[in-house]
Each structure stands twice: as C-alpha cells, then as structure tokens.
Amino acid sequence: MQLATIDIAVVLIYFVCIFGLAQWVSREKAGHTKDSSDYFLASKNLPWWAIGASLIAANISAEQIVGMSGSGYAIGLAIASYEWMAAATLLIVGKWFLPIFLANKIYTMPQFLEQRFGPTIRTVMAVFWLILYVFVNLTSIIWLGSIAVTQVTGLNQDVALVGLGAFALLYQLRGGLKAVALTDIVQVTLLVLGGLVIAYLTLGKIGGDAGVIAGFTELTRRVPDHFDMILSPDNPHYKDLPGIAVLVGGMWIANLSYWGFNQYIIQRALAAKSLSEAQRGVVFAGFLKLLMPVIIVLPGIAAVVLAPGLAKPDQAYPTMMRLLPTGLLGLVFAALIAAIIASTASKINSIATIFTLDIYAKRKGVQTRAENAAGSIEHEKHLVLVGRVAAIAAIIIAMLTARPLLGSLDQAFQYIQEFSGFVTPGITVIFLLGLFWPRATEMGALVGAIASVVVSFIFWFPASWGGSAALNAIPFINRMSIVFFVALALAVIVSLLRPARAESNLITMRGVSFRTTAGFNIAAGLIVLILIALYATWW
C-alpha cells in the first residue's frame, strides 16, 4: 500500500501540530524553573478531561489497536472483555484507591510501598517495574507500531521503529507529563474518530448497498463463533479467555494491578488538581473504554470476512486500513500514529519518573518538590536532567531489544498479558493488603511478590523442559487466580508470624473519605448497566 500525496500531507500536518502543541503547553512562566513536580506530575494541576483522555491515550496504543484487533481476528469479541471489564475496574479505582493515594500525597507507586511497608520493597519493586516497562511494555508498543507503519507505507520496519521511538521521545522530553497529558485530548479525539471511520467502512464493505447495520448483521451471521463473549471449554482459544473467569476470576486481578497500581497509568490521576477532579477523569475514561471494542476489535473480526487467510492475526488492522480511500487513509493512519506516540511518550515519562524519584533521588538522599519538600533549585534542575537522560536510555534499549523479544510472535497482545501475569497477582496482593489491612508487613509483602513470580513460573514451565503438563495446561487467567490466593495466603501468614512496629506504617486514613458525588454515582451506575446489557446480549 502506498500513501497518496494528500495522505502524506495529513500525516505531516499531524506531526507538526501535535509536536508544536506539546512544546507550547510545556512552556513555563517567566522566571520559573521547571522542577520535579512540574516534569513528573504536571504541577499537580491536571483537569478531569486531561486525566480521562490521558488514561486512554496511555493505554490504547499499538499493542491495543494492532494486537487486540489481531486477537479479534483470531478469537473474536471475547477479547473485548479486557476493555469492558476495565471500565468497571476504573470505578473501583476512583472510589476506593484514589482517596487514599491523594490524601497521603502519593506521587509514585514505589513511594507508597515505602511509606506503607519500608524502603526495601520500594527499591525492589521500582527495579522490577523498570524492567517490565522497558522490556515488555515499551518494546511491544514500538514493535507493533512499526508493524502497522510498515504495512501501510512499505517503510522498512527497523526505520519505522526508530522513527516512532525518536519522535515520542522528543515529543515529551521538554515538558514531561504536562506535555503528554494536555495534548492527549487531541490524540484521543483523533484515535476515536479514525477508529470509527475504519469500523464504519469495513462494515459498509460487508453490507454493500444495504449499509452498515446490514453489514454488522451479515458479519454476525457469517462468523457467529467470533461473537461469543464467554468461550466454552471446547473453544480452541479457551486457554486465552477461559469462560466465566473473565468476569469473576483472574481478569480482575490483572485489571486492578494495571489500572490501580501501575505507575504508567495511575500517574495521571495522582497529578490531578483535586480528588473530585481525578474521579471525574476516571469516569470519563470508563465511558471511553466502553467504546474501544467498536474501534479496535470490530475491524479485526471484519477482517475474517474481508481478508481471510492472513499470515499473522496482527496484520488484520493494517490490512483493513487498505480499504480506506485517499485522504481518509491519511486521517486513520495519523490516528494510529497518534495512539502509538501518546502511549510511547507516556511510558517513557513513567520510566523516567520511577528511575529519578524512586531510585536516583533516594540513593542520593535528595528531597524533591514532588514530595512537597523545599528542594533546592539546583537539585531540581539536576533531577529533571536525570529524568531526561533516563528517558533517552529507555527508548534506546527498547529499540535494540524489540525485534529479538517480539519478532517471532503471532499475537503480541497475548504475550504481554501472559508474561505480565507472572507478577500482577503479587502486585495486587501487596497493594490490597497495604491499603486495607493494617497488619500487613514488609516481609509479608516481599514474600507475596516473590511467590507470585515463582509459582507462576512453575505453572508456565513447559512439560518438554521438565515441567508439569497439567499445570501448564491451566489457562493463564485461571493461573493468576490460583497464584493470587497462594501469594495472599503466604503474605498474610508471614505478616502474622513477623509483625512490624506500628510506626513503620506511614499511610494515614485521616482525612480519607470514600463518599463520592451524585454525579460520580450516576455515571458509575450507567456504566454498570451498559456492561450488564452488553454481556446479556453477547453471552
């Protein structure tokens, strides 16, 4: 596929405008020097619309658009549970988690762990998150993004990979989180518009003269197995999405970890100007989540009819883009690039935040303004510089390791979910205990985190390498449930056997209120009703 001149013009206009907007919002008032609070927390002044849009822009990237569309091609609508169950999870985060985080002035997740448990677990988890973000998340974003760019333009994939990474780095390097979050409303608008266009045109292609509604009806008739939300045990993809477990099992563990305790995501809400603003932002993101399967999964299912026999499922979305007429192709391609750039920039900024504030500053004993301390101007300038250097290093490492790690995979989205699932049960255990069980200790939390990885590895270890065939056959979502309860039991037992001093818990519940506004409650109720209707329809 070749982009026409008008398509190239649309893409270039996007690049120039979004880069210019990012630099404009990054500017500082005369006489003000950018400090750690400005760079890593957007001066703790984000409005609800920026929070909601940035949550979605950070989440929806190449591994979602290309990867989940590929899973829609291979599996069907059942993969949409990752999106729809996330909408419900965001309500829990807004009502129960954010009040505690914001009342205690938390700015990173490792910082919460130190205040709740102690310094050792902060360092251990900070290092772990850096490894996960660089070698799993960041690599997958730029790798799948480069696949899409290559499919559409014919550009060499390595060139596309480097170009995406470099632009995302430069886009946020000056302004940090503020540059990312305040431009994400533009990115999300373009993403939604472009996604709706491609969904409309693919269904219209199937429906012919009868239109889009007829196209959707025809699609459900021709591939009815792709519209099962709850897969039966005899489904070939049951191991990926094991039936009712997506509603009441391990997917909750993955979602709570991702949306509630993941620096890459929660950083936007931690930078809110107030708790009510943060809660409005997560509700806004929840409604956008309900829309995502139409934008992402539906084109992948349509590709089963329009482009059967693809070599790899991850080629589904780029292949559907070939149906677009000149001009619209440029718009949708710009939307795809927008999602890739926004998510990559968000990940880079979170890596820089954790490295600078949780490792570098702690090791140097530097108090930062992100901690509401009177940090010196020179220290603050140095920390911002360290953050920028960390950002550069992270994207270079990701560029070098993306192909070796992901090049041979058919469904990269499932790879991300499965290997993230090694640690998400432990993360969910230690944060839930830290938030809601005062007797949890640092030793208990460390044991729970380590047990999560060790037990998950025992389940995953292939029988051909000496592992258990029975354990290896258990779907990874069910595995996460089992591992969660094992890690929880061990964390509780160790905490009871080795109690900690009361003063080791610096997280206070004073001033914390779980009451939410009428607007939040009405919006949350509406989201839940929509979810019930969706699952009742496609059960």
Protein backbone atom coordinates (compact mmCIF):
# COMPACT_ATOMS: atom_id res chain seq x y z
CA MET A 1 0.00 0.00 0.00
CA GLN A 2 1.25 3.46 -0.84
CA LEU A 3 0.12 6.71 0.76
CA ALA A 4 -1.06 9.32 -1.71
CA THR A 5 0.22 12.87 -1.54
CA ILE A 6 -2.83 14.07 0.36
CA ASP A 7 -2.43 11.23 2.88
CA ILE A 8 1.20 12.14 3.45
CA ALA A 9 0.17 15.78 3.89
CA VAL A 10 -2.41 14.82 6.55
CA VAL A 11 0.19 12.81 8.47
CA LEU A 12 2.79 15.57 8.26
CA ILE A 13 0.26 18.16 9.46
CA TYR A 14 -0.48 15.91 12.44
CA PHE A 15 3.22 15.57 13.29
CA VAL A 16 3.84 19.30 13.11
CA CYS A 17 0.71 20.29 15.02
CA ILE A 18 0.99 17.76 17.85
CA PHE A 19 4.69 18.44 18.33
CA GLY A 20 4.07 22.18 18.36
CA LEU A 21 1.18 21.81 20.81
CA ALA A 22 3.31 19.69 23.13
CA GLN A 23 6.05 22.32 23.18
CA TRP A 24 3.53 25.12 23.70
CA VAL A 25 1.92 23.53 26.76
CA SER A 26 5.42 22.76 28.10
CA ARG A 27 6.35 26.40 28.39
CA GLU A 28 6.89 27.90 31.85
CA LYS A 29 6.10 31.34 33.21
CA ALA A 30 8.94 33.85 33.08
CA GLY A 31 11.32 33.32 35.97
CA HIS A 32 10.03 29.82 36.83
CA THR A 33 12.44 26.89 36.56
CA LYS A 34 10.89 23.50 35.77
CA ASP A 35 11.14 21.28 38.86
CA SER A 36 10.39 17.62 39.59
CA SER A 37 6.73 18.34 40.38
CA ASP A 38 6.32 20.13 37.03
CA TYR A 39 8.12 17.48 34.99
CA PHE A 40 6.86 14.27 36.59
CA LEU A 41 3.44 15.36 37.96
CA ALA A 42 2.37 18.19 35.63
CA SER A 43 2.49 20.57 38.62
CA LYS A 44 -0.35 18.51 40.20
CA ASN A 45 -2.86 20.58 38.29
CA LEU A 46 -4.43 18.29 35.68
CA PRO A 47 -8.17 18.79 34.93
CA TRP A 48 -10.60 15.85 34.61
CA TRP A 49 -10.73 15.88 30.82
CA ALA A 50 -6.94 15.67 30.56
CA ILE A 51 -6.85 12.83 33.11
CA GLY A 52 -9.52 10.78 31.34
CA ALA A 53 -8.11 11.34 27.87
CA SER A 54 -4.56 10.67 29.01
CA LEU A 55 -5.57 7.42 30.73
CA ILE A 56 -6.97 6.17 27.43
CA ALA A 57 -4.13 7.54 25.30
CA ALA A 58 -1.58 5.89 27.58
CA ASN A 59 -3.46 2.59 27.44
CA ILE A 60 -4.59 2.42 23.80
CA SER A 61 -1.56 2.03 21.64
CA ALA A 62 -0.19 -0.34 19.08
CA GLU A 63 -0.46 -3.35 21.37
CA GLN A 64 -4.15 -2.50 21.75
CA ILE A 65 -5.05 -1.40 18.23
CA VAL A 66 -2.87 -3.82 16.27
CA GLY A 67 -2.57 -6.55 18.92
CA MET A 68 -6.18 -6.62 20.14
CA SER A 69 -7.52 -6.32 16.61
CA GLY A 70 -5.35 -9.33 15.79
CA SER A 71 -6.86 -11.18 18.73
CA GLY A 72 -10.31 -10.15 17.45
CA TYR A 73 -9.36 -11.77 14.13
CA ALA A 74 -8.19 -14.96 15.84
CA ILE A 75 -10.54 -15.19 18.84
CA GLY A 76 -13.44 -12.78 18.35
CA LEU A 77 -15.44 -10.40 20.53
CA ALA A 78 -14.45 -12.24 23.72
CA ILE A 79 -11.17 -10.28 23.71
CA ALA A 80 -13.27 -7.14 24.34
CA SER A 81 -13.59 -8.23 27.98
CA TYR A 82 -10.20 -6.60 28.55
CA GLU A 83 -11.79 -3.27 27.59
CA TRP A 84 -15.25 -3.64 29.11
CA MET A 85 -14.08 -5.07 32.43
CA ALA A 86 -11.54 -2.25 32.62
CA ALA A 87 -14.45 0.23 32.67
CA ALA A 88 -15.77 -1.41 35.85
CA THR A 89 -12.26 -1.53 37.34
CA LEU A 90 -11.81 2.22 36.85
CA LEU A 91 -14.87 2.81 39.05
CA ILE A 92 -13.26 0.82 41.86
CA VAL A 93 -10.00 2.74 41.46
CA GLY A 94 -11.82 6.07 41.58
CA LYS A 95 -13.94 5.26 44.63
CA TRP A 96 -11.61 3.18 46.81
CA PHE A 97 -7.96 3.68 45.81
CA LEU A 98 -7.57 7.32 44.78
CA PRO A 99 -8.90 8.77 48.08
CA ILE A 100 -6.08 7.02 49.97
CA PHE A 101 -3.36 7.85 47.43
CA LEU A 102 -4.23 11.53 47.14
CA ALA A 103 -4.83 12.07 50.88
CA ASN A 104 -1.33 10.71 51.53
CA LYS A 105 0.24 12.81 48.72
CA ILE A 106 1.49 9.75 46.83
CA TYR A 107 3.35 10.53 43.60
CA THR A 108 4.72 7.08 42.64
CA MET A 109 3.65 3.55 43.46
CA PRO A 110 7.08 2.58 44.87
CA GLN A 111 6.82 5.61 47.19
CA PHE A 112 3.51 4.26 48.53
CA LEU A 113 5.17 0.92 49.22
CA GLU A 114 7.94 2.59 51.21
CA GLN A 115 5.53 4.66 53.28
CA ARG A 116 3.33 1.65 53.94
CA PHE A 117 5.95 -1.10 54.38
CA GLY A 118 9.55 0.12 54.24
CA PRO A 119 12.45 1.09 51.93
CA THR A 120 13.47 -2.38 50.72
CA ILE A 121 10.26 -3.17 48.89
CA ARG A 122 10.28 0.29 47.30
CA THR A 123 13.65 -0.38 45.68
CA VAL A 124 12.82 -3.97 44.70
CA MET A 125 9.54 -3.01 43.03
CA ALA A 126 11.00 0.09 41.38
CA VAL A 127 13.67 -2.04 39.71
CA PHE A 128 11.09 -4.64 38.73
CA TRP A 129 8.77 -2.05 37.17
CA LEU A 130 11.62 -0.52 35.20
CA ILE A 131 12.48 -3.93 33.75
CA LEU A 132 8.83 -4.69 32.92
CA TYR A 133 8.17 -1.27 31.38
CA VAL A 134 11.27 -1.30 29.19
CA PHE A 135 11.45 -4.94 28.08
CA VAL A 136 7.74 -5.83 27.86
CA ASN A 137 5.61 -2.71 27.52
CA LEU A 138 7.81 -0.20 25.71
CA THR A 139 9.23 -2.77 23.32
CA SER A 140 5.73 -4.04 22.44
CA ILE A 141 4.41 -0.53 21.76
CA ILE A 142 7.10 0.43 19.29
CA TRP A 143 7.31 -3.06 17.74
CA LEU A 144 3.61 -3.36 16.98
CA GLY A 145 3.55 0.27 15.93
CA SER A 146 6.34 -0.36 13.46
CA ILE A 147 4.37 -3.31 12.03
CA ALA A 148 1.44 -1.02 11.33
CA VAL A 149 3.60 1.68 9.76
CA THR A 150 5.36 -0.86 7.54
CA GLN A 151 2.06 -2.46 6.45
CA VAL A 152 0.62 0.90 5.42
CA THR A 153 3.63 2.67 3.96
CA GLY A 154 6.04 -0.08 2.93
CA LEU A 155 8.73 1.62 5.03
CA ASN A 156 11.47 -0.63 6.40
CA GLN A 157 10.28 -1.85 9.79
CA ASP A 158 13.51 -1.02 11.61
CA VAL A 159 13.36 2.53 10.25
CA ALA A 160 9.73 2.81 11.34
CA LEU A 161 10.59 1.51 14.81
CA VAL A 162 13.40 4.03 15.31
CA GLY A 163 11.30 6.87 13.90
CA LEU A 164 8.37 6.21 16.25
CA GLY A 165 10.60 5.93 19.29
CA ALA A 166 12.60 9.03 18.48
CA PHE A 167 9.53 11.20 17.82
CA ALA A 168 7.82 10.05 21.04
CA LEU A 169 10.99 10.85 22.97
CA LEU A 170 11.36 14.36 21.52
CA TYR A 171 7.63 14.99 21.90
CA GLN A 172 7.72 14.69 25.71
CA LEU A 173 11.39 15.37 26.50
CA ARG A 174 10.95 19.06 27.28
CA GLY A 175 7.63 19.12 29.08
CA GLY A 176 7.34 15.71 30.74
CA LEU A 177 3.90 14.62 31.92
CA LYS A 178 2.34 18.02 31.19
CA ALA A 179 3.30 17.77 27.51
CA VAL A 180 1.82 14.28 27.35
CA ALA A 181 -1.40 14.75 29.33
CA LEU A 182 -2.50 18.14 28.00
CA THR A 183 -2.16 17.05 24.38
CA ASP A 184 -3.80 13.66 24.86
CA ILE A 185 -7.31 15.05 24.39
CA VAL A 186 -6.28 15.77 20.77
CA GLN A 187 -4.72 12.31 20.44
CA VAL A 188 -7.81 10.54 21.81
CA THR A 189 -10.18 12.57 19.64
CA LEU A 190 -8.18 11.60 16.56
CA LEU A 191 -7.99 7.98 17.74
CA VAL A 192 -11.76 7.69 18.26
CA LEU A 193 -12.57 9.46 15.00
CA GLY A 194 -10.14 7.34 12.98
CA GLY A 195 -11.28 4.12 14.62
CA LEU A 196 -14.95 4.84 13.97
CA VAL A 197 -14.18 5.62 10.34
CA ILE A 198 -12.44 2.29 9.73
CA ALA A 199 -15.17 0.36 11.60
CA TYR A 200 -17.84 2.14 9.52
CA LEU A 201 -16.10 1.45 6.22
CA THR A 202 -15.32 -2.21 6.94
CA LEU A 203 -18.93 -2.92 7.92
CA GLY A 204 -20.12 -0.94 4.91
CA LYS A 205 -17.93 -3.10 2.68
CA ILE A 206 -19.55 -6.23 4.08
CA GLY A 207 -23.08 -4.78 3.90
CA GLY A 208 -22.71 -3.36 0.40
CA ASP A 209 -25.70 -1.30 -0.74
CA ALA A 210 -27.66 -2.39 2.36
CA GLY A 211 -25.43 -0.28 4.62
CA VAL A 212 -23.51 -0.55 7.87
CA ILE A 213 -26.24 -2.11 10.04
CA ALA A 214 -26.78 -4.81 7.45
CA GLY A 215 -23.02 -5.29 7.32
CA PHE A 216 -22.88 -5.90 11.05
CA THR A 217 -25.80 -8.35 10.82
CA GLU A 218 -24.10 -10.19 7.97
CA LEU A 219 -20.84 -10.33 9.92
CA THR A 220 -22.55 -11.94 12.92
CA ARG A 221 -24.22 -14.43 10.56
CA ARG A 222 -21.04 -15.42 8.73
CA VAL A 223 -18.74 -15.71 11.75
CA PRO A 224 -21.09 -16.40 14.70
CA ASP A 225 -18.29 -18.08 16.67
CA HIS A 226 -16.49 -14.69 16.78
CA PHE A 227 -19.37 -13.14 18.73
CA ASP A 228 -19.24 -15.38 21.80
CA MET A 229 -18.30 -13.24 24.82
CA ILE A 230 -17.92 -16.24 27.14
CA LEU A 231 -15.93 -19.04 25.49
CA SER A 232 -16.78 -22.68 26.16
CA PRO A 233 -14.09 -25.21 27.18
CA ASP A 234 -14.12 -26.77 23.70
CA ASN A 235 -13.22 -23.45 22.06
CA PRO A 236 -9.63 -23.55 20.70
CA HIS A 237 -8.94 -20.21 22.38
CA TYR A 238 -10.36 -21.18 25.77
CA LYS A 239 -6.85 -21.15 27.26
CA ASP A 240 -6.55 -17.44 26.39
CA LEU A 241 -10.01 -16.47 27.69
CA PRO A 242 -11.35 -19.24 29.95
CA GLY A 243 -15.10 -18.73 30.03
CA ILE A 244 -16.70 -17.19 33.08
CA ALA A 245 -13.26 -16.49 34.62
CA VAL A 246 -13.10 -13.29 32.57
CA LEU A 247 -15.98 -11.97 34.70
CA VAL A 248 -15.27 -13.39 38.15
CA GLY A 249 -11.68 -14.66 38.02
CA GLY A 250 -8.17 -13.67 37.15
CA MET A 251 -9.02 -10.79 34.83
CA TRP A 252 -10.00 -8.74 37.88
CA ILE A 253 -6.51 -9.31 39.29
CA ALA A 254 -4.89 -8.14 36.07
CA ASN A 255 -7.17 -5.11 35.80
CA LEU A 256 -6.74 -3.99 39.41
CA SER A 257 -2.99 -4.23 39.04
CA TYR A 258 -2.95 -2.37 35.72
CA TRP A 259 -5.45 0.41 36.43
CA GLY A 260 -4.93 0.83 40.16
CA PHE A 261 -1.27 0.16 40.93
CA ASN A 262 0.56 0.78 37.68
CA GLN A 263 2.66 3.96 37.65
CA TYR A 264 2.30 4.25 33.90
CA ILE A 265 -1.47 4.62 34.30
CA ILE A 266 -2.17 5.97 37.77
CA GLN A 267 0.36 8.81 37.41
CA ARG A 268 -2.27 10.86 35.58
CA ALA A 269 -4.75 10.66 38.46
CA LEU A 270 -2.00 11.36 41.03
CA ALA A 271 -1.35 14.63 39.16
CA ALA A 272 -4.98 15.78 39.50
CA LYS A 273 -5.76 19.19 40.97
CA SER A 274 -8.21 17.50 43.42
CA LEU A 275 -9.77 14.14 44.31
CA SER A 276 -13.11 15.03 42.71
CA GLU A 277 -11.30 16.04 39.52
CA ALA A 278 -9.43 12.72 39.48
CA GLN A 279 -12.68 10.80 40.00
CA ARG A 280 -14.39 12.64 37.16
CA GLY A 281 -11.40 11.79 34.99
CA VAL A 282 -11.58 8.04 35.65
CA VAL A 283 -15.34 8.00 34.96
CA PHE A 284 -14.69 9.77 31.64
CA ALA A 285 -12.08 7.11 30.86
CA GLY A 286 -14.59 4.40 31.82
CA PHE A 287 -17.09 5.61 29.22
CA LEU A 288 -14.36 5.76 26.58
CA LYS A 289 -13.42 2.18 27.47
CA LEU A 290 -16.93 1.01 26.58
CA LEU A 291 -16.41 2.39 23.07
CA MET A 292 -12.97 0.87 22.42
CA PRO A 293 -14.07 -2.58 21.14
CA VAL A 294 -16.01 -0.89 18.33
CA ILE A 295 -12.85 0.94 17.32
CA ILE A 296 -10.36 -1.88 17.85
CA VAL A 297 -11.93 -5.36 17.94
CA LEU A 298 -14.67 -4.98 15.33
CA PRO A 299 -12.29 -4.25 12.41
CA GLY A 300 -10.34 -7.38 13.35
CA ILE A 301 -13.49 -9.51 13.25
CA ALA A 302 -14.48 -7.91 9.92
CA ALA A 303 -11.09 -8.91 8.52
CA VAL A 304 -12.08 -12.57 8.94
CA VAL A 305 -14.62 -11.98 6.14
CA LEU A 306 -12.78 -9.36 4.11
CA ALA A 307 -9.24 -10.77 4.35
CA PRO A 308 -9.29 -14.45 5.29
CA GLY A 309 -6.04 -16.37 5.46
CA LEU A 310 -3.72 -13.65 6.79
CA ALA A 311 -0.25 -14.92 7.67
CA LYS A 312 -0.47 -13.43 11.17
CA PRO A 313 -3.53 -12.15 13.07
CA ASP A 314 -1.65 -8.93 13.94
CA GLN A 315 -1.86 -7.99 10.24
CA ALA A 316 -5.66 -7.61 10.47
CA TYR A 317 -5.91 -3.92 11.35
CA PRO A 318 -3.27 -2.67 8.88
CA THR A 319 -4.94 -4.80 6.19
CA MET A 320 -8.33 -3.20 6.90
CA MET A 321 -6.72 0.21 6.51
CA ARG A 322 -6.13 -0.66 2.87
CA LEU A 323 -9.87 -0.32 2.29
CA LEU A 324 -9.75 3.37 3.07
CA PRO A 325 -9.95 5.91 0.25
CA THR A 326 -7.30 8.55 -0.30
CA GLY A 327 -7.42 11.25 2.34
CA LEU A 328 -9.24 9.10 4.89
CA LEU A 329 -6.29 6.73 4.86
CA GLY A 330 -4.07 9.60 5.93
CA LEU A 331 -6.52 10.53 8.72
CA VAL A 332 -6.79 6.98 10.10
CA PHE A 333 -3.05 6.44 9.74
CA ALA A 334 -2.47 9.67 11.67
CA ALA A 335 -4.87 8.36 14.34
CA LEU A 336 -2.86 5.15 14.63
CA ILE A 337 0.37 7.11 14.86
CA ALA A 338 -1.24 9.35 17.49
CA ALA A 339 -2.06 6.35 19.66
CA ILE A 340 1.43 4.92 19.30
CA ILE A 341 3.15 8.23 20.04
CA ALA A 342 0.95 9.08 23.03
CA SER A 343 1.39 5.69 24.65
CA THR A 344 5.12 5.55 23.97
CA ALA A 345 5.64 9.04 25.38
CA SER A 346 3.59 8.15 28.48
CA LYS A 347 5.63 5.02 29.09
CA ILE A 348 8.91 6.87 28.63
CA ASN A 349 7.83 9.53 31.14
CA SER A 350 6.81 6.93 33.73
CA ILE A 351 10.13 5.11 33.36
CA ALA A 352 11.94 8.41 33.89
CA THR A 353 9.73 9.18 36.92
CA ILE A 354 10.40 5.88 38.69
CA PHE A 355 14.12 5.90 37.94
CA THR A 356 14.62 9.50 39.02
CA LEU A 357 12.38 9.73 42.09
CA ASP A 358 12.42 6.17 43.40
CA ILE A 359 15.99 5.11 42.67
CA TYR A 360 18.27 8.04 41.89
CA ALA A 361 16.90 10.63 44.32
CA LYS A 362 16.53 8.08 47.14
CA ARG A 363 20.08 6.84 46.68
CA LYS A 364 21.40 10.39 46.69
CA GLY A 365 19.21 11.32 49.67
CA VAL A 366 17.70 14.24 47.75
CA GLN A 367 14.38 15.71 48.87
CA THR A 368 12.28 16.74 45.88
CA ARG A 369 9.47 19.21 45.34
CA ALA A 370 7.39 16.31 44.08
CA GLU A 371 7.38 15.29 47.75
CA ASN A 372 6.25 18.76 48.82
CA ALA A 373 9.72 19.41 50.20
CA ALA A 374 11.66 22.60 49.72
CA GLY A 375 14.15 21.10 47.31
CA SER A 376 16.85 23.43 46.07
CA ILE A 377 16.62 24.84 42.56
CA GLU A 378 19.92 23.22 41.59
CA HIS A 379 18.80 19.82 42.83
CA GLU A 380 15.51 20.17 40.97
CA LYS A 381 17.21 21.11 37.71
CA HIS A 382 19.55 18.15 38.13
CA LEU A 383 16.66 15.73 38.74
CA VAL A 384 14.84 16.91 35.62
CA LEU A 385 18.09 16.35 33.67
CA VAL A 386 18.42 12.84 35.15
CA GLY A 387 14.84 12.13 34.11
CA ARG A 388 15.56 13.19 30.55
CA VAL A 389 18.69 11.04 30.37
CA ALA A 390 16.73 8.07 31.74
CA ALA A 391 14.08 8.63 29.07
CA ILE A 392 16.69 8.60 26.31
CA ALA A 393 18.33 5.44 27.67
CA ALA A 394 14.99 3.63 27.98
CA ILE A 395 13.91 4.20 24.39
CA ILE A 396 17.33 3.23 23.01
CA ILE A 397 17.25 -0.06 24.96
CA ALA A 398 13.70 -0.75 23.76
CA MET A 399 14.67 -0.13 20.14
CA LEU A 400 17.57 -2.57 20.39
CA THR A 401 15.60 -5.37 22.08
CA ALA A 402 12.17 -5.15 20.40
CA ARG A 403 12.92 -7.46 17.47
CA PRO A 404 14.71 -10.19 19.48
CA LEU A 405 11.90 -10.28 22.05
CA LEU A 406 8.80 -9.93 19.85
CA GLY A 407 9.78 -10.65 16.26
CA SER A 408 8.65 -14.28 16.18
CA LEU A 409 5.25 -13.87 17.90
CA ASP A 410 1.85 -14.16 16.17
CA GLN A 411 -0.25 -12.43 18.87
CA ALA A 412 1.89 -9.99 20.81
CA PHE A 413 -1.10 -8.81 22.87
CA GLN A 414 -1.49 -12.27 24.41
CA TYR A 415 2.28 -12.37 25.09
CA ILE A 416 2.02 -9.11 27.03
CA GLN A 417 -0.93 -10.36 29.09
CA GLU A 418 0.63 -13.72 29.91
CA PHE A 419 4.06 -12.52 30.98
CA SER A 420 2.66 -9.53 32.86
CA GLY A 421 0.55 -12.17 34.62
CA PHE A 422 3.68 -13.54 36.30
CA VAL A 423 3.78 -10.52 38.58
CA THR A 424 0.33 -8.98 38.62
CA PRO A 425 -1.05 -11.37 41.28
CA GLY A 426 1.76 -10.40 43.67
CA ILE A 427 1.38 -6.69 42.94
CA THR A 428 -2.36 -6.86 43.56
CA VAL A 429 -1.79 -8.74 46.83
CA ILE A 430 0.71 -6.31 48.30
CA PHE A 431 -1.26 -3.20 47.36
CA LEU A 432 -4.62 -4.51 48.55
CA LEU A 433 -3.07 -5.58 51.85
CA GLY A 434 -1.19 -2.29 52.08
CA LEU A 435 -4.35 -0.26 51.51
CA PHE A 436 -6.86 -2.20 53.59
CA TRP A 437 -5.07 -4.48 56.13
CA PRO A 438 -3.00 -2.58 58.73
CA ARG A 439 -1.22 -5.73 59.98
CA ALA A 440 0.49 -6.42 56.63
CA THR A 441 4.29 -6.16 56.91
CA GLU A 442 7.17 -5.51 54.54
CA MET A 443 8.42 -9.09 54.89
CA GLY A 444 4.95 -10.40 54.11
CA ALA A 445 4.69 -8.14 51.07
CA LEU A 446 8.11 -9.26 49.77
CA VAL A 447 7.21 -12.92 50.22
CA GLY A 448 3.92 -12.37 48.39
CA ALA A 449 5.66 -10.63 45.48
CA ILE A 450 8.36 -13.30 45.16
CA ALA A 451 5.84 -16.13 45.48
CA SER A 452 3.83 -14.66 42.61
CA VAL A 453 6.78 -14.96 40.22
CA VAL A 454 7.98 -18.36 41.46
CA VAL A 455 4.56 -20.05 41.47
CA SER A 456 3.66 -18.53 38.09
CA PHE A 457 6.90 -19.88 36.64
CA ILE A 458 6.11 -23.36 37.99
CA PHE A 459 2.75 -23.23 36.19
CA TRP A 460 4.25 -21.89 32.97
CA PHE A 461 7.32 -24.16 32.76
CA PRO A 462 6.75 -26.36 29.66
CA ALA A 463 6.45 -30.12 30.04
CA SER A 464 9.13 -30.54 27.36
CA TRP A 465 11.54 -28.83 29.74
CA GLY A 466 10.59 -30.98 32.71
CA GLY A 467 7.54 -29.04 33.90
CA SER A 468 4.07 -30.33 34.72
CA ALA A 469 1.79 -30.80 31.70
CA ALA A 470 -1.29 -30.49 33.91
CA LEU A 471 -0.17 -27.17 35.42
CA ASN A 472 0.97 -25.83 32.07
CA ALA A 473 -2.44 -26.57 30.56
CA ILE A 474 -4.24 -24.28 33.01
CA PRO A 475 -5.32 -21.01 31.28
CA PHE A 476 -3.17 -18.12 32.40
CA ILE A 477 -6.16 -16.12 33.66
CA ASN A 478 -7.07 -19.04 35.93
CA ARG A 479 -3.42 -19.37 36.85
CA MET A 480 -3.45 -15.76 38.03
CA SER A 481 -6.36 -16.51 40.35
CA ILE A 482 -4.56 -19.50 41.88
CA VAL A 483 -1.29 -17.61 42.21
CA PHE A 484 -3.11 -14.64 43.76
CA PHE A 485 -4.56 -16.74 46.58
CA VAL A 486 -1.27 -18.57 47.17
CA ALA A 487 0.63 -15.25 47.36
CA LEU A 488 -2.12 -13.75 49.56
CA ALA A 489 -2.00 -16.66 51.99
CA LEU A 490 1.80 -16.53 52.26
CA ALA A 491 1.81 -12.73 52.71
CA VAL A 492 -0.79 -12.96 55.49
CA ILE A 493 0.98 -15.85 57.26
CA VAL A 494 4.38 -14.15 57.18
CA SER A 495 2.87 -10.84 58.32
CA LEU A 496 1.27 -12.57 61.33
CA LEU A 497 4.43 -14.52 62.18
CA ARG A 498 6.70 -11.45 61.92
CA PRO A 499 4.64 -8.41 62.93
CA ALA A 500 6.05 -4.95 62.25
CA ARG A 501 6.22 -1.94 64.54
CA ALA A 502 3.17 0.30 64.27
CA GLU A 503 5.30 3.31 63.33
CA SER A 504 6.56 1.56 60.17
CA ASN A 505 3.17 2.30 58.55
CA LEU A 506 3.18 5.96 57.50
CA ILE A 507 -0.02 5.74 55.43
CA THR A 508 -2.80 7.53 57.26
CA MET A 509 -6.55 7.18 56.87
CA ARG A 510 -7.16 10.57 58.47
CA GLY A 511 -8.98 12.81 56.03
CA VAL A 512 -9.80 9.86 53.73
CA SER A 513 -13.43 9.70 52.64
CA PHE A 514 -14.89 7.11 50.30
CA ARG A 515 -18.04 9.15 49.71
CA THR A 516 -18.46 10.17 46.09
CA THR A 517 -20.54 12.84 44.43
CA ALA A 518 -24.00 12.21 42.99
CA GLY A 519 -22.57 12.76 39.51
CA PHE A 520 -19.95 10.05 40.04
CA ASN A 521 -22.55 7.63 41.40
CA ILE A 522 -24.97 8.21 38.50
CA ALA A 523 -22.22 7.83 35.91
CA ALA A 524 -20.90 4.68 37.62
CA GLY A 525 -24.40 3.18 37.70
CA LEU A 526 -24.83 3.90 33.99
CA ILE A 527 -21.54 2.18 33.13
CA VAL A 528 -22.54 -0.90 35.12
CA LEU A 529 -25.95 -1.06 33.40
CA ILE A 530 -24.32 -0.80 29.97
CA LEU A 531 -21.94 -3.63 30.86
CA ILE A 532 -24.81 -5.84 32.00
CA ALA A 533 -26.64 -5.16 28.74
CA LEU A 534 -23.56 -5.94 26.63
CA TYR A 535 -22.84 -9.26 28.30
CA ALA A 536 -26.51 -10.24 28.36
CA THR A 537 -26.67 -9.62 24.59
CA TRP A 538 -23.49 -11.48 23.60
CA TRP A 539 -23.36 -14.21 26.23
